[in-house]
């Protein structure tokens, strides 16, 4: 017998229902007006996509990249042909969702004058640019998703890795800026 946890979509749906239950139990629906509800929802979506994005960034940098040299060559296609393309799909779109909902939150709350938040947002925009315009095109070559010779694949893999490490470095002050934005 299958459990609901075996299907990602079912597990996500149950998670959303549980979040709604927590929202109702907390009683925030009484204190939030229509405008405040949308502000809260966009912030929650920004955080959800941000956790997915940075979680995958850290997976690539803390797990996948350091582990690849330890994997026998005959087993590497399992990563490069199956796992990495799926992870990169969610990585790219989580970056896009984070930026989209982050910009909505910034406009909605008129919080441009919050210096730590503005710096965190600028760093996040740089990181998203790197994901879409440096990491992804190079990963397509490195993983053989687009035509490239062996030398080009090697160079592309290195560029993607270095840019990913650069994003990991930027994620530290970016997360500080986001967290510090709510300090008195």
Protein backbone atom coordinates (compact mmCIF):
# COMPACT_ATOMS: atom_id res chain seq x y z
CA UNK A 1 0.00 0.00 0.00
CA UNK A 2 1.36 3.40 -0.97
CA UNK A 3 1.55 6.24 1.50
CA UNK A 4 0.87 9.89 0.59
CA UNK A 5 4.56 10.67 1.22
CA UNK A 6 5.60 8.62 -1.82
CA UNK A 7 4.12 11.28 -4.14
CA UNK A 8 5.82 14.68 -3.99
CA UNK A 9 2.72 16.52 -5.21
CA UNK A 10 0.50 14.93 -2.58
CA UNK A 11 3.05 15.70 0.15
CA UNK A 12 3.23 19.34 -1.02
CA UNK A 13 -0.56 19.58 -1.09
CA UNK A 14 -0.82 18.21 2.44
CA UNK A 15 1.87 20.68 3.50
CA UNK A 16 -0.20 23.56 2.09
CA UNK A 17 -3.31 22.32 3.91
CA UNK A 18 -1.32 22.09 7.17
CA UNK A 19 0.02 25.63 6.63
CA UNK A 20 -3.57 26.85 6.16
CA UNK A 21 -4.61 25.07 9.38
CA UNK A 22 -1.73 26.74 11.27
CA UNK A 23 -2.78 30.10 9.76
CA UNK A 24 -6.37 29.54 10.96
CA UNK A 25 -5.31 28.30 14.42
CA UNK A 26 -3.02 31.31 14.88
CA UNK A 27 -6.01 33.56 14.24
CA UNK A 28 -4.13 35.86 11.86
CA UNK A 29 -7.14 36.00 9.54
CA UNK A 30 -8.89 38.25 12.12
CA UNK A 31 -6.03 40.74 12.39
CA UNK A 32 -5.04 40.88 8.70
CA UNK A 33 -6.89 43.13 6.34
CA UNK A 34 -7.15 42.34 2.65
CA UNK A 35 -3.96 44.26 1.82
CA UNK A 36 -2.03 42.77 4.72
CA UNK A 37 -3.09 39.26 3.73
CA UNK A 38 -1.63 39.66 0.23
CA UNK A 39 1.54 41.16 1.68
CA UNK A 40 1.86 38.15 3.98
CA UNK A 41 1.14 35.66 1.16
CA UNK A 42 3.75 37.19 -1.16
CA UNK A 43 6.35 37.21 1.65
CA UNK A 44 5.56 33.55 2.43
CA UNK A 45 5.95 32.60 -1.26
CA UNK A 46 9.22 34.58 -1.45
CA UNK A 47 10.56 32.64 1.55
CA UNK A 48 9.34 29.28 0.17
CA UNK A 49 11.07 29.79 -3.18
CA UNK A 50 14.15 31.24 -1.45
CA UNK A 51 14.54 28.16 0.76
CA UNK A 52 14.21 25.91 -2.29
CA UNK A 53 16.73 27.97 -4.28
CA UNK A 54 19.39 28.31 -1.56
CA UNK A 55 18.82 24.71 -0.46
CA UNK A 56 19.65 23.50 -3.97
CA UNK A 57 22.60 25.91 -4.20
CA UNK A 58 23.98 24.42 -1.00
CA UNK A 59 23.23 20.86 -2.22
CA UNK A 60 25.30 21.50 -5.35
CA UNK A 61 28.19 23.09 -3.43
CA UNK A 62 28.25 21.01 -0.25
CA UNK A 63 27.25 17.61 -1.69
CA UNK A 64 27.26 17.14 -5.46
CA UNK A 65 30.39 19.04 -6.55
CA UNK A 66 32.66 17.60 -3.82
CA UNK A 67 31.25 14.08 -4.34
CA UNK A 68 31.65 13.86 -8.13
CA UNK A 69 35.40 13.05 -8.09
CA UNK A 70 34.68 10.14 -5.70
CA UNK A 71 32.08 8.55 -8.00
CA UNK A 72 33.34 5.91 -10.46
CA UNK A 73 33.11 7.08 -14.08
CA UNK A 74 30.57 4.41 -15.03
CA UNK A 75 28.19 5.70 -12.30
CA UNK A 76 28.51 9.44 -13.10
CA UNK A 77 25.79 9.40 -15.80
CA UNK A 78 23.25 8.72 -13.03
CA UNK A 79 24.08 12.19 -11.68
CA UNK A 80 24.76 14.04 -14.93
CA UNK A 81 21.90 12.59 -16.97
CA UNK A 82 19.19 12.07 -14.34
CA UNK A 83 19.66 13.97 -11.07
CA UNK A 84 21.47 17.16 -12.15
CA UNK A 85 19.04 18.19 -14.92
CA UNK A 86 16.05 17.85 -12.58
CA UNK A 87 17.85 19.66 -9.75
CA UNK A 88 18.88 22.43 -12.16
CA UNK A 89 15.27 22.79 -13.34
CA UNK A 90 14.04 23.43 -9.79
CA UNK A 91 17.15 25.54 -9.07
CA UNK A 92 16.46 27.91 -12.00
CA UNK A 93 12.76 28.27 -11.36
CA UNK A 94 13.20 28.64 -7.60
CA UNK A 95 15.57 31.54 -8.35
CA UNK A 96 12.96 33.08 -10.66
CA UNK A 97 10.18 32.62 -8.08
CA UNK A 98 12.33 34.10 -5.33
CA UNK A 99 13.08 37.18 -7.43
CA UNK A 100 9.48 37.59 -8.61
CA UNK A 101 7.93 37.39 -5.16
CA UNK A 102 10.78 39.36 -3.59
CA UNK A 103 10.19 42.24 -6.00
CA UNK A 104 6.45 42.09 -5.31
CA UNK A 105 7.15 42.24 -1.56
CA UNK A 106 9.53 45.17 -2.01
CA UNK A 107 7.02 47.14 -4.10
CA UNK A 108 4.03 46.14 -1.99
CA UNK A 109 5.69 47.11 1.30
CA UNK A 110 7.60 50.13 -0.08
CA UNK A 111 10.67 48.88 1.78
CA UNK A 112 13.33 50.19 -0.65
CA UNK A 113 14.76 52.46 2.04
CA UNK A 114 15.69 49.49 4.27
CA UNK A 115 19.44 49.32 3.57
CA UNK A 116 20.16 45.71 4.64
CA UNK A 117 17.14 44.49 2.69
CA UNK A 118 18.08 46.51 -0.41
CA UNK A 119 21.63 45.12 -0.30
CA UNK A 120 20.29 41.57 0.16
CA UNK A 121 17.96 42.12 -2.78
CA UNK A 122 20.79 43.42 -4.98
CA UNK A 123 22.92 40.38 -4.11
CA UNK A 124 19.95 38.09 -4.83
CA UNK A 125 19.46 39.72 -8.24
CA UNK A 126 23.15 39.19 -9.06
CA UNK A 127 22.84 35.56 -7.98
CA UNK A 128 19.70 35.02 -10.10
CA UNK A 129 21.44 36.57 -13.10
CA UNK A 130 24.33 34.15 -12.55
CA UNK A 131 21.92 31.19 -12.38
CA UNK A 132 20.12 31.98 -15.62
CA UNK A 133 22.86 33.51 -17.75
CA UNK A 134 26.10 31.83 -16.60
CA UNK A 135 25.44 28.63 -14.64
CA UNK A 136 22.55 27.25 -16.72
CA UNK A 137 24.07 27.82 -20.20
CA UNK A 138 27.36 26.30 -19.04
CA UNK A 139 25.64 23.36 -17.33
CA UNK A 140 23.76 22.63 -20.55
CA UNK A 141 27.13 22.16 -22.28
CA UNK A 142 28.74 20.30 -19.38
CA UNK A 143 25.85 17.84 -19.08
CA UNK A 144 25.60 17.28 -22.82
CA UNK A 145 22.15 18.85 -23.09
CA UNK A 146 23.47 20.99 -25.94
CA UNK A 147 26.18 20.12 -28.46
CA UNK A 148 29.73 20.84 -27.28
CA UNK A 149 33.13 19.22 -27.76
CA UNK A 150 35.03 17.67 -24.84
CA UNK A 151 37.20 20.76 -24.24
CA UNK A 152 34.17 23.07 -24.25
CA UNK A 153 32.35 20.76 -21.82
CA UNK A 154 35.30 20.85 -19.41
CA UNK A 155 35.55 24.66 -19.57
CA UNK A 156 31.79 25.01 -19.18
CA UNK A 157 31.73 22.72 -16.13
CA UNK A 158 34.49 24.77 -14.50
CA UNK A 159 32.72 28.08 -15.22
CA UNK A 160 29.44 26.75 -13.84
CA UNK A 161 31.19 25.47 -10.71
CA UNK A 162 33.09 28.73 -10.11
CA UNK A 163 29.96 30.81 -10.60
CA UNK A 164 28.03 28.50 -8.26
CA UNK A 165 30.75 28.95 -5.63
CA UNK A 166 30.57 32.73 -6.17
CA UNK A 167 26.80 32.54 -5.56
CA UNK A 168 27.40 30.48 -2.42
CA UNK A 169 29.73 33.23 -1.19
CA UNK A 170 27.14 35.93 -2.02
CA UNK A 171 24.37 33.95 -0.31
CA UNK A 172 25.95 34.57 3.10
CA UNK A 173 25.72 38.41 3.07
CA UNK A 174 22.44 38.15 1.12
CA UNK A 175 20.86 36.05 3.89
CA UNK A 176 22.25 38.48 6.48
CA UNK A 177 20.60 41.38 4.62
CA UNK A 178 17.27 39.57 4.54
CA UNK A 179 17.38 38.61 8.21
CA UNK A 180 18.72 41.99 9.37
CA UNK A 181 15.90 43.77 7.55
CA UNK A 182 13.57 42.86 10.40
CA UNK A 183 15.82 44.01 13.23
CA UNK A 184 14.75 47.15 15.10
